[in-house]
Amino acid sequence: PATTPSRRRGQILFGAGVAAAYGFLVVCHVVFGLFFALTIVCALRGAGLYASERLAERSRMKLEVKVPAVRGA
């Protein structure tokens, strides 16, 4: 899916996450567990990416130095 990572390490972790979620759903006897596992991991990854971007934006705003404008010299 478009929500999967592009780097190899990320793809491996993504696949392991889907496998772990699927394993849990199989133990719980959930029908169509693979689709639910993929949906859950994609949603969690999307939420994580959103949260990390918001935190980065917040830290960038803190780093901005506001210099008052100088009027007439």
PDB file of N, CA and C in Angstrom:
ATOM      1  N   PRO A   1       0.824  -1.210   0.000  1.00  0.00           N
ATOM      2  CA  PRO A   1       0.000   0.000   0.000  1.00  0.00           C
ATOM      3  C   PRO A   1       0.860   1.263   0.000  1.00  0.00           C
ATOM      4  N   ALA A   2       0.267   2.360  -0.299  1.00  0.00           N
ATOM      5  CA  ALA A   2       0.991   3.628  -0.326  1.00  0.00           C
ATOM      6  C   ALA A   2       1.455   4.036   1.055  1.00  0.00           C
ATOM      7  N   THR A   3       0.901   3.450   2.085  1.00  0.00           N
ATOM      8  CA  THR A   3       1.283   3.815   3.450  1.00  0.00           C
ATOM      9  C   THR A   3       2.462   2.999   3.970  1.00  0.00           C
ATOM     10  N   THR A   4       3.021   2.119   3.150  1.00  0.00           N
ATOM     11  CA  THR A   4       4.174   1.345   3.603  1.00  0.00           C
ATOM     12  C   THR A   4       5.448   2.168   3.466  1.00  0.00           C
ATOM     13  N   PRO A   5       6.435   1.903   4.291  1.00  0.00           N
ATOM     14  CA  PRO A   5       7.695   2.658   4.236  1.00  0.00           C
ATOM     15  C   PRO A   5       8.469   2.375   2.957  1.00  0.00           C
ATOM     16  N   SER A   6       9.323   3.313   2.570  1.00  0.00           N
ATOM     17  CA  SER A   6      10.093   3.132   1.345  1.00  0.00           C
ATOM     18  C   SER A   6      11.474   2.528   1.612  1.00  0.00           C
ATOM     19  N   ARG A   7      12.000   2.693   2.809  1.00  0.00           N
ATOM     20  CA  ARG A   7      13.323   2.146   3.126  1.00  0.00           C
ATOM     21  C   ARG A   7      13.215   0.711   3.613  1.00  0.00           C
ATOM     22  N   ARG A   8      14.287  -0.032   3.405  1.00  0.00           N
ATOM     23  CA  ARG A   8      14.292  -1.466   3.710  1.00  0.00           C
ATOM     24  C   ARG A   8      14.024  -1.756   5.192  1.00  0.00           C
ATOM     25  N   ARG A   9      14.691  -1.023   6.079  1.00  0.00           N
ATOM     26  CA  ARG A   9      14.509  -1.253   7.517  1.00  0.00           C
ATOM     27  C   ARG A   9      13.052  -1.004   7.912  1.00  0.00           C
ATOM     28  N   GLY A  10      12.480   0.073   7.396  1.00  0.00           N
ATOM     29  CA  GLY A  10      11.089   0.392   7.679  1.00  0.00           C
ATOM     30  C   GLY A  10      10.133  -0.664   7.157  1.00  0.00           C
ATOM     31  N   GLN A  11      10.441  -1.206   5.977  1.00  0.00           N
ATOM     32  CA  GLN A  11       9.596  -2.255   5.406  1.00  0.00           C
ATOM     33  C   GLN A  11       9.630  -3.513   6.271  1.00  0.00           C
ATOM     34  N   ILE A  12      10.820  -3.837   6.784  1.00  0.00           N
ATOM     35  CA  ILE A  12      10.942  -5.027   7.638  1.00  0.00           C
ATOM     36  C   ILE A  12      10.149  -4.832   8.926  1.00  0.00           C
ATOM     37  N   LEU A  13      10.282  -3.657   9.542  1.00  0.00           N
ATOM     38  CA  LEU A  13       9.530  -3.377  10.768  1.00  0.00           C
ATOM     39  C   LEU A  13       8.026  -3.341  10.506  1.00  0.00           C
ATOM     40  N   PHE A  14       7.652  -2.795   9.362  1.00  0.00           N
ATOM     41  CA  PHE A  14       6.234  -2.752   8.991  1.00  0.00           C
ATOM     42  C   PHE A  14       5.681  -4.168   8.845  1.00  0.00           C
ATOM     43  N   GLY A  15       6.416  -5.010   8.132  1.00  0.00           N
ATOM     44  CA  GLY A  15       5.987  -6.402   7.954  1.00  0.00           C
ATOM     45  C   GLY A  15       5.913  -7.152   9.266  1.00  0.00           C
ATOM     46  N   ALA A  16       6.886  -6.909  10.149  1.00  0.00           N
ATOM     47  CA  ALA A  16       6.868  -7.558  11.465  1.00  0.00           C
ATOM     48  C   ALA A  16       5.664  -7.086  12.282  1.00  0.00           C
ATOM     49  N   GLY A  17       5.330  -5.810  12.152  1.00  0.00           N
ATOM     50  CA  GLY A  17       4.167  -5.279  12.856  1.00  0.00           C
ATOM     51  C   GLY A  17       2.869  -5.902  12.358  1.00  0.00           C
ATOM     52  N   VAL A  18       2.764  -6.040  11.047  1.00  0.00           N
ATOM     53  CA  VAL A  18       1.569  -6.679  10.477  1.00  0.00           C
ATOM     54  C   VAL A  18       1.494  -8.140  10.919  1.00  0.00           C
ATOM     55  N   ALA A  19       2.635  -8.818  10.914  1.00  0.00           N
ATOM     56  CA  ALA A  19       2.663 -10.226  11.334  1.00  0.00           C
ATOM     57  C   ALA A  19       2.264 -10.366  12.798  1.00  0.00           C
ATOM     58  N   ALA A  20       2.766  -9.470  13.648  1.00  0.00           N
ATOM     59  CA  ALA A  20       2.421  -9.536  15.073  1.00  0.00           C
ATOM     60  C   ALA A  20       0.929  -9.269  15.285  1.00  0.00           C
ATOM     61  N   ALA A  21       0.404  -8.260  14.603  1.00  0.00           N
ATOM     62  CA  ALA A  21      -1.021  -7.949  14.724  1.00  0.00           C
ATOM     63  C   ALA A  21      -1.867  -9.106  14.191  1.00  0.00           C
ATOM     64  N   TYR A  22      -1.433  -9.685  13.072  1.00  0.00           N
ATOM     65  CA  TYR A  22      -2.163 -10.830  12.503  1.00  0.00           C
ATOM     66  C   TYR A  22      -2.131 -12.015  13.455  1.00  0.00           C
ATOM     67  N   GLY A  23      -0.968 -12.272  14.044  1.00  0.00           N
ATOM     68  CA  GLY A  23      -0.865 -13.370  15.002  1.00  0.00           C
ATOM     69  C   GLY A  23      -1.808 -13.186  16.172  1.00  0.00           C
ATOM     70  N   PHE A  24      -1.884 -11.970  16.686  1.00  0.00           N
ATOM     71  CA  PHE A  24      -2.810 -11.690  17.781  1.00  0.00           C
ATOM     72  C   PHE A  24      -4.258 -11.911  17.340  1.00  0.00           C
ATOM     73  N   LEU A  25      -4.596 -11.438  16.147  1.00  0.00           N
ATOM     74  CA  LEU A  25      -5.972 -11.600  15.666  1.00  0.00           C
ATOM     75  C   LEU A  25      -6.321 -13.060  15.400  1.00  0.00           C
ATOM     76  N   VAL A  26      -5.353 -13.847  14.969  1.00  0.00           N
ATOM     77  CA  VAL A  26      -5.591 -15.278  14.750  1.00  0.00           C
ATOM     78  C   VAL A  26      -5.876 -15.968  16.082  1.00  0.00           C
ATOM     79  N   VAL A  27      -5.101 -15.607  17.097  1.00  0.00           N
ATOM     80  CA  VAL A  27      -5.319 -16.192  18.428  1.00  0.00           C
ATOM     81  C   VAL A  27      -6.708 -15.839  18.945  1.00  0.00           C
ATOM     82  N   CYS A  28      -7.181 -14.652  18.589  1.00  0.00           N
ATOM     83  CA  CYS A  28      -8.522 -14.209  18.998  1.00  0.00           C
ATOM     84  C   CYS A  28      -9.615 -14.711  18.066  1.00  0.00           C
ATOM     85  N   HIS A  29      -9.249 -15.497  17.058  1.00  0.00           N
ATOM     86  CA  HIS A  29     -10.196 -16.080  16.095  1.00  0.00           C
ATOM     87  C   HIS A  29     -10.985 -15.023  15.322  1.00  0.00           C
ATOM     88  N   VAL A  30     -10.300 -13.979  14.872  1.00  0.00           N
ATOM     89  CA  VAL A  30     -10.939 -12.924  14.091  1.00  0.00           C
ATOM     90  C   VAL A  30     -10.893 -13.316  12.615  1.00  0.00           C
ATOM     91  N   VAL A  31     -12.046 -13.265  11.959  1.00  0.00           N
ATOM     92  CA  VAL A  31     -12.135 -13.590  10.541  1.00  0.00           C
ATOM     93  C   VAL A  31     -11.558 -12.410   9.745  1.00  0.00           C
ATOM     94  N   PHE A  32     -10.880 -12.702   8.642  1.00  0.00           N
ATOM     95  CA  PHE A  32     -10.215 -11.693   7.809  1.00  0.00           C
ATOM     96  C   PHE A  32      -9.177 -10.909   8.603  1.00  0.00           C
ATOM     97  N   GLY A  33      -8.476 -11.603   9.470  1.00  0.00           N
ATOM     98  CA  GLY A  33      -7.497 -10.975  10.358  1.00  0.00           C
ATOM     99  C   GLY A  33      -6.371 -10.278   9.631  1.00  0.00           C
ATOM    100  N   LEU A  34      -5.950 -10.814   8.485  1.00  0.00           N
ATOM    101  CA  LEU A  34      -4.847 -10.190   7.756  1.00  0.00           C
ATOM    102  C   LEU A  34      -5.216  -8.788   7.284  1.00  0.00           C
ATOM    103  N   PHE A  35      -6.422  -8.614   6.804  1.00  0.00           N
ATOM    104  CA  PHE A  35      -6.865  -7.297   6.351  1.00  0.00           C
ATOM    105  C   PHE A  35      -6.991  -6.323   7.518  1.00  0.00           C
ATOM    106  N   PHE A  36      -7.513  -6.823   8.643  1.00  0.00           N
ATOM    107  CA  PHE A  36      -7.607  -5.978   9.825  1.00  0.00           C
ATOM    108  C   PHE A  36      -6.220  -5.618  10.350  1.00  0.00           C
ATOM    109  N   ALA A  37      -5.289  -6.579  10.336  1.00  0.00           N
ATOM    110  CA  ALA A  37      -3.931  -6.316  10.804  1.00  0.00           C
ATOM    111  C   ALA A  37      -3.265  -5.251   9.942  1.00  0.00           C
ATOM    112  N   LEU A  38      -3.418  -5.367   8.647  1.00  0.00           N
ATOM    113  CA  LEU A  38      -2.834  -4.379   7.737  1.00  0.00           C
ATOM    114  C   LEU A  38      -3.446  -3.000   7.961  1.00  0.00           C
ATOM    115  N   THR A  39      -4.747  -2.951   8.149  1.00  0.00           N
ATOM    116  CA  THR A  39      -5.428  -1.681   8.398  1.00  0.00           C
ATOM    117  C   THR A  39      -4.966  -1.055   9.705  1.00  0.00           C
ATOM    118  N   ILE A  40      -4.843  -1.865  10.746  1.00  0.00           N
ATOM    119  CA  ILE A  40      -4.421  -1.361  12.057  1.00  0.00           C
ATOM    120  C   ILE A  40      -3.006  -0.802  11.989  1.00  0.00           C
ATOM    121  N   VAL A  41      -2.085  -1.549  11.372  1.00  0.00           N
ATOM    122  CA  VAL A  41      -0.692  -1.107  11.302  1.00  0.00           C
ATOM    123  C   VAL A  41      -0.569   0.145  10.428  1.00  0.00           C
ATOM    124  N   CYS A  42      -1.289   0.204   9.323  1.00  0.00           N
ATOM    125  CA  CYS A  42      -1.262   1.404   8.471  1.00  0.00           C
ATOM    126  C   CYS A  42      -1.802   2.616   9.228  1.00  0.00           C
ATOM    127  N   ALA A  43      -2.877   2.424   9.983  1.00  0.00           N
ATOM    128  CA  ALA A  43      -3.453   3.532  10.747  1.00  0.00           C
ATOM    129  C   ALA A  43      -2.486   3.999  11.834  1.00  0.00           C
ATOM    130  N   LEU A  44      -1.854   3.057  12.519  1.00  0.00           N
ATOM    131  CA  LEU A  44      -0.890   3.431  13.556  1.00  0.00           C
ATOM    132  C   LEU A  44       0.317   4.141  12.961  1.00  0.00           C
ATOM    133  N   ARG A  45       0.766   3.673  11.803  1.00  0.00           N
ATOM    134  CA  ARG A  45       1.911   4.318  11.152  1.00  0.00           C
ATOM    135  C   ARG A  45       1.539   5.737  10.720  1.00  0.00           C
ATOM    136  N   GLY A  46       0.363   5.893  10.157  1.00  0.00           N
ATOM    137  CA  GLY A  46      -0.089   7.219   9.748  1.00  0.00           C
ATOM    138  C   GLY A  46      -0.207   8.164  10.940  1.00  0.00           C
ATOM    139  N   ALA A  47      -0.744   7.675  12.047  1.00  0.00           N
ATOM    140  CA  ALA A  47      -0.853   8.494  13.254  1.00  0.00           C
ATOM    141  C   ALA A  47       0.528   8.862  13.786  1.00  0.00           C
ATOM    142  N   GLY A  48       1.454   7.917  13.724  1.00  0.00           N
ATOM    143  CA  GLY A  48       2.817   8.193  14.170  1.00  0.00           C
ATOM    144  C   GLY A  48       3.514   9.223  13.304  1.00  0.00           C
ATOM    145  N   LEU A  49       3.338   9.115  11.994  1.00  0.00           N
ATOM    146  CA  LEU A  49       3.934  10.097  11.086  1.00  0.00           C
ATOM    147  C   LEU A  49       3.341  11.486  11.312  1.00  0.00           C
ATOM    148  N   TYR A  50       2.043  11.531  11.525  1.00  0.00           N
ATOM    149  CA  TYR A  50       1.384  12.814  11.780  1.00  0.00           C
ATOM    150  C   TYR A  50       1.908  13.432  13.075  1.00  0.00           C
ATOM    151  N   ALA A  51       1.995  12.613  14.127  1.00  0.00           N
ATOM    152  CA  ALA A  51       2.464  13.113  15.422  1.00  0.00           C
ATOM    153  C   ALA A  51       3.911  13.589  15.341  1.00  0.00           C
ATOM    154  N   SER A  52       4.764  12.844  14.648  1.00  0.00           N
ATOM    155  CA  SER A  52       6.163  13.258  14.552  1.00  0.00           C
ATOM    156  C   SER A  52       6.306  14.548  13.749  1.00  0.00           C
ATOM    157  N   GLU A  53       5.474  14.730  12.739  1.00  0.00           N
ATOM    158  CA  GLU A  53       5.520  15.971  11.960  1.00  0.00           C
ATOM    159  C   GLU A  53       5.045  17.153  12.807  1.00  0.00           C
ATOM    160  N   ARG A  54       4.013  16.940  13.593  1.00  0.00           N
ATOM    161  CA  ARG A  54       3.521  18.013  14.470  1.00  0.00           C
ATOM    162  C   ARG A  54       4.577  18.399  15.502  1.00  0.00           C
ATOM    163  N   LEU A  55       5.269  17.408  16.074  1.00  0.00           N
ATOM    164  CA  LEU A  55       6.320  17.700  17.047  1.00  0.00           C
ATOM    165  C   LEU A  55       7.481  18.434  16.394  1.00  0.00           C
ATOM    166  N   ALA A  56       7.843  18.032  15.190  1.00  0.00           N
ATOM    167  CA  ALA A  56       8.924  18.708  14.476  1.00  0.00           C
ATOM    168  C   ALA A  56       8.538  20.152  14.159  1.00  0.00           C
ATOM    169  N   GLU A  57       7.295  20.353  13.763  1.00  0.00           N
ATOM    170  CA  GLU A  57       6.807  21.709  13.463  1.00  0.00           C
ATOM    171  C   GLU A  57       6.841  22.571  14.717  1.00  0.00           C
ATOM    172  N   ARG A  58       6.465  21.970  15.831  1.00  0.00           N
ATOM    173  CA  ARG A  58       6.474  22.685  17.103  1.00  0.00           C
ATOM    174  C   ARG A  58       7.879  23.109  17.497  1.00  0.00           C
ATOM    175  N   SER A  59       8.836  22.205  17.329  1.00  0.00           N
ATOM    176  CA  SER A  59      10.211  22.535  17.698  1.00  0.00           C
ATOM    177  C   SER A  59      10.798  23.571  16.738  1.00  0.00           C
ATOM    178  N   ARG A  60      10.405  23.531  15.469  1.00  0.00           N
ATOM    179  CA  ARG A  60      10.864  24.552  14.524  1.00  0.00           C
ATOM    180  C   ARG A  60      10.343  25.926  14.911  1.00  0.00           C
ATOM    181  N   MET A  61       9.112  25.981  15.387  1.00  0.00           N
ATOM    182  CA  MET A  61       8.530  27.258  15.782  1.00  0.00           C
ATOM    183  C   MET A  61       9.235  27.806  17.022  1.00  0.00           C
ATOM    184  N   LYS A  62       9.660  26.934  17.923  1.00  0.00           N
ATOM    185  CA  LYS A  62      10.375  27.376  19.114  1.00  0.00           C
ATOM    186  C   LYS A  62      11.744  27.926  18.753  1.00  0.00           C
ATOM    187  N   LEU A  63      12.340  27.395  17.693  1.00  0.00           N
ATOM    188  CA  LEU A  63      13.668  27.828  17.306  1.00  0.00           C
ATOM    189  C   LEU A  63      13.681  29.164  16.574  1.00  0.00           C
ATOM    190  N   GLU A  64      12.538  29.564  16.051  1.00  0.00           N
ATOM    191  CA  GLU A  64      12.466  30.834  15.337  1.00  0.00           C
ATOM    192  C   GLU A  64      12.731  31.980  16.301  1.00  0.00           C
ATOM    193  N   VAL A  65      13.599  32.837  15.909  1.00  0.00           N
ATOM    194  CA  VAL A  65      13.907  34.011  16.733  1.00  0.00           C
ATOM    195  C   VAL A  65      13.157  35.197  16.134  1.00  0.00           C
ATOM    196  N   LYS A  66      12.373  35.833  16.956  1.00  0.00           N
ATOM    197  CA  LYS A  66      11.594  36.965  16.483  1.00  0.00           C
ATOM    198  C   LYS A  66      12.364  38.241  16.780  1.00  0.00           C
ATOM    199  N   VAL A  67      12.775  38.910  15.727  1.00  0.00           N
ATOM    200  CA  VAL A  67      13.533  40.135  15.846  1.00  0.00           C
ATOM    201  C   VAL A  67      12.598  41.304  15.540  1.00  0.00           C
ATOM    202  N   PRO A  68      12.518  42.275  16.433  1.00  0.00           N
ATOM    203  CA  PRO A  68      11.623  43.404  16.174  1.00  0.00           C
ATOM    204  C   PRO A  68      12.126  44.226  14.982  1.00  0.00           C
ATOM    205  N   ALA A  69      11.202  44.740  14.226  1.00  0.00           N
ATOM    206  CA  ALA A  69      11.547  45.562  13.080  1.00  0.00           C
ATOM    207  C   ALA A  69      12.122  46.905  13.545  1.00  0.00           C
ATOM    208  N   VAL A  70      13.106  47.377  12.855  1.00  0.00           N
ATOM    209  CA  VAL A  70      13.707  48.655  13.199  1.00  0.00           C
ATOM    210  C   VAL A  70      13.045  49.742  12.350  1.00  0.00           C
ATOM    211  N   ARG A  71      12.506  50.728  13.001  1.00  0.00           N
ATOM    212  CA  ARG A  71      11.832  51.813  12.292  1.00  0.00           C
ATOM    213  C   ARG A  71      12.779  52.989  12.126  1.00  0.00           C
ATOM    214  N   GLY A  72      12.839  53.487  10.966  1.00  0.00           N
ATOM    215  CA  GLY A  72      13.622  54.691  10.657  1.00  0.00           C
ATOM    216  C   GLY A  72      15.005  54.718  11.320  1.00  0.00           C
ATOM    217  N   ALA A  73      15.967  54.977  10.590  1.00  0.00           N
ATOM    218  CA  ALA A  73      17.308  54.995  11.162  1.00  0.00           C
ATOM    219  C   ALA A  73      17.895  56.372  11.200  1.00  0.00           C
TER     220      ALA A  73
END
